[in-house]
Amino acid sequence: ATTSFSQWPSVAPILLLFAAFAGGCAGSTAGGIKIIRVLLIYLQGVREIRRLIHPNGVFPLKLGRQKVPDRVVEAVWGFFAVYVIAFLALVTGVMYFSDLDFITAFSAVGACLNNLGPGLGDVAANYAALGDGVKWTLIFAMLLGRLEIFTLLVLFTPAFWRR
């Protein structure tokens, strides 16, 4: 048997939603930021704290025994920044096209961008009651999540289409 999210303890669906933002592992079809990127962001944060303590120290970022090139770390931070901006823009778009509350809009965009399925609030059961503008915004979020944000953004750049 299944139960709706409304029957769960109130913190459980929210915790699962935030855990889903980390997404799957590299190479998986899961949406989200991806575990390897979350790990690199965490390691970069630890490295920055060490740099605050020892300003003249040199602390290479390593995964296992392998040094991670700075270009990779920059790309991860770039992806994270674009992901957050896209997420906030999509939440704003959903709230603009509807009278949904913030929790519903946040979870609907999170569910679509991360390829989760159900959201919280008014979209816990289904998305049928949403208006066309909201559905189109969420369709775009699904494409961003499924194809990866950078891939879709490259398709929109004129330089990609030039010979």
Protein backbone atom coordinates (compact mmCIF):
# COMPACT_ATOMS: atom_id res chain seq x y z
CA ALA A 1 0.00 0.00 0.00
CA THR A 2 1.08 3.58 -0.53
CA THR A 3 0.40 6.70 1.45
CA SER A 4 0.50 10.31 0.40
CA PHE A 5 3.20 12.69 1.55
CA SER A 6 0.65 14.32 3.83
CA GLN A 7 0.70 11.18 6.01
CA TRP A 8 4.48 11.30 6.47
CA PRO A 9 6.21 13.21 9.28
CA SER A 10 6.49 16.82 8.06
CA VAL A 11 10.28 16.86 7.79
CA ALA A 12 10.59 13.63 5.74
CA PRO A 13 9.37 14.89 2.32
CA ILE A 14 11.41 18.09 2.67
CA LEU A 15 14.53 16.09 3.57
CA LEU A 16 14.01 13.79 0.58
CA LEU A 17 13.50 16.77 -1.74
CA PHE A 18 16.75 18.40 -0.63
CA ALA A 19 18.62 15.08 -0.85
CA ALA A 20 17.37 14.73 -4.41
CA PHE A 21 19.13 17.95 -5.39
CA ALA A 22 22.41 16.04 -5.07
CA GLY A 23 21.02 13.69 -7.70
CA GLY A 24 22.68 10.54 -8.93
CA CYS A 25 26.24 9.57 -9.63
CA ALA A 26 28.24 10.80 -12.61
CA GLY A 27 27.10 9.21 -15.84
CA SER A 28 23.64 8.37 -14.54
CA THR A 29 20.44 9.63 -16.10
CA ALA A 30 19.34 11.08 -12.78
CA GLY A 31 18.91 14.80 -12.64
CA GLY A 32 20.31 17.09 -10.00
CA ILE A 33 23.74 18.44 -9.33
CA LYS A 34 25.37 14.95 -9.22
CA ILE A 35 27.18 13.45 -6.25
CA ILE A 36 30.67 14.05 -7.67
CA ARG A 37 29.97 17.78 -8.04
CA VAL A 38 28.58 17.98 -4.51
CA LEU A 39 31.72 16.21 -3.26
CA LEU A 40 34.01 18.60 -5.17
CA ILE A 41 32.13 21.63 -3.83
CA TYR A 42 32.48 20.24 -0.30
CA LEU A 43 36.21 19.56 -0.77
CA GLN A 44 36.69 23.06 -2.19
CA GLY A 45 34.95 24.48 0.89
CA VAL A 46 37.25 22.51 3.18
CA ARG A 47 40.25 23.71 1.18
CA GLU A 48 39.13 27.34 1.51
CA ILE A 49 38.80 26.97 5.29
CA ARG A 50 42.34 25.56 5.40
CA ARG A 51 43.53 28.53 3.31
CA LEU A 52 41.96 30.91 5.82
CA ILE A 53 43.91 29.24 8.61
CA HIS A 54 47.15 28.99 6.59
CA PRO A 55 47.09 31.82 4.00
CA ASN A 56 50.47 30.90 2.47
CA GLY A 57 49.76 27.16 2.29
CA VAL A 58 49.32 25.23 -0.92
CA PHE A 59 46.46 22.76 -0.72
CA PRO A 60 45.79 20.79 -3.90
CA LEU A 61 42.30 19.40 -4.25
CA LYS A 62 42.43 15.61 -4.41
CA LEU A 63 39.94 12.83 -5.00
CA GLY A 64 41.60 9.79 -3.55
CA ARG A 65 45.22 10.26 -4.56
CA GLN A 66 44.42 12.01 -7.82
CA LYS A 67 44.84 15.80 -8.00
CA VAL A 68 41.79 17.55 -9.41
CA PRO A 69 42.74 20.25 -11.94
CA ASP A 70 41.63 23.78 -11.07
CA ARG A 71 39.78 23.94 -14.39
CA VAL A 72 37.53 21.08 -13.26
CA VAL A 73 36.77 22.83 -9.96
CA GLU A 74 35.98 26.05 -11.85
CA ALA A 75 33.64 24.14 -14.17
CA VAL A 76 31.85 22.59 -11.19
CA TRP A 77 31.37 26.01 -9.58
CA GLY A 78 30.18 27.38 -12.92
CA PHE A 79 27.64 24.58 -13.23
CA PHE A 80 26.48 25.11 -9.66
CA ALA A 81 26.02 28.86 -10.23
CA VAL A 82 24.06 28.32 -13.45
CA TYR A 83 22.00 25.59 -11.75
CA VAL A 84 21.04 27.88 -8.85
CA ILE A 85 20.23 30.79 -11.18
CA ALA A 86 18.13 28.53 -13.44
CA PHE A 87 16.35 27.03 -10.44
CA LEU A 88 15.49 30.43 -8.98
CA ALA A 89 14.38 31.74 -12.39
CA LEU A 90 12.13 28.72 -12.87
CA VAL A 91 10.61 29.05 -9.39
CA THR A 92 9.98 32.73 -10.14
CA GLY A 93 8.38 31.77 -13.48
CA VAL A 94 6.10 29.20 -11.86
CA MET A 95 5.01 31.70 -9.21
CA TYR A 96 4.47 34.36 -11.92
CA PHE A 97 2.21 32.12 -14.02
CA SER A 98 0.18 30.84 -11.06
CA ASP A 99 -1.04 31.54 -7.58
CA LEU A 100 0.91 28.61 -6.12
CA ASP A 101 2.58 29.01 -2.75
CA PHE A 102 6.36 28.98 -2.49
CA ILE A 103 6.62 25.39 -1.18
CA THR A 104 4.56 24.05 -4.08
CA ALA A 105 6.48 26.09 -6.67
CA PHE A 106 9.85 25.16 -5.11
CA SER A 107 9.06 21.46 -4.99
CA ALA A 108 7.47 21.38 -8.46
CA VAL A 109 10.55 22.95 -10.04
CA GLY A 110 12.84 20.77 -7.92
CA ALA A 111 10.94 17.65 -8.95
CA CYS A 112 11.05 18.56 -12.64
CA LEU A 113 14.62 19.86 -12.75
CA ASN A 114 15.91 16.83 -10.83
CA ASN A 115 13.63 14.27 -12.57
CA LEU A 116 11.97 13.22 -9.31
CA GLY A 117 8.29 12.92 -10.06
CA PRO A 118 6.02 14.08 -7.24
CA GLY A 119 6.39 17.38 -5.47
CA LEU A 120 4.97 18.82 -2.28
CA GLY A 121 1.85 20.84 -1.64
CA ASP A 122 -0.58 21.15 -4.56
CA VAL A 123 1.58 18.95 -6.83
CA ALA A 124 1.98 16.05 -4.39
CA ALA A 125 -0.58 13.90 -6.22
CA ASN A 126 -0.28 15.21 -9.79
CA TYR A 127 0.23 18.30 -11.91
CA ALA A 128 -3.18 18.25 -13.62
CA ALA A 129 -4.56 21.38 -11.96
CA LEU A 130 -1.67 23.59 -13.08
CA GLY A 131 -2.17 26.16 -15.81
CA ASP A 132 -0.56 26.02 -19.24
CA GLY A 133 2.12 28.63 -18.45
CA VAL A 134 3.22 26.68 -15.39
CA LYS A 135 3.26 23.40 -17.31
CA TRP A 136 5.42 24.91 -20.07
CA THR A 137 7.80 26.29 -17.47
CA LEU A 138 8.02 22.87 -15.83
CA ILE A 139 8.52 21.17 -19.22
CA PHE A 140 11.50 23.47 -19.79
CA ALA A 141 12.75 22.54 -16.29
CA MET A 142 12.48 18.85 -17.20
CA LEU A 143 14.52 19.41 -20.36
CA LEU A 144 17.16 21.32 -18.39
CA GLY A 145 17.38 18.54 -15.83
CA ARG A 146 17.36 15.66 -18.27
CA LEU A 147 19.81 17.08 -20.80
CA GLU A 148 22.03 18.86 -18.25
CA ILE A 149 21.92 22.63 -18.11
CA PHE A 150 25.16 23.30 -19.99
CA THR A 151 24.15 21.01 -22.87
CA LEU A 152 20.89 22.85 -23.40
CA LEU A 153 22.54 26.26 -23.03
CA VAL A 154 25.10 25.35 -25.69
CA LEU A 155 22.24 24.63 -28.10
CA PHE A 156 21.01 28.20 -27.59
CA THR A 157 24.36 29.86 -28.34
CA PRO A 158 24.83 31.20 -31.89
CA ALA A 159 28.47 30.04 -31.98
CA PHE A 160 27.31 26.41 -31.80
CA TRP A 161 25.29 26.76 -35.01
CA ARG A 162 28.01 28.53 -37.04
CA ARG A 163 30.19 26.45 -39.31
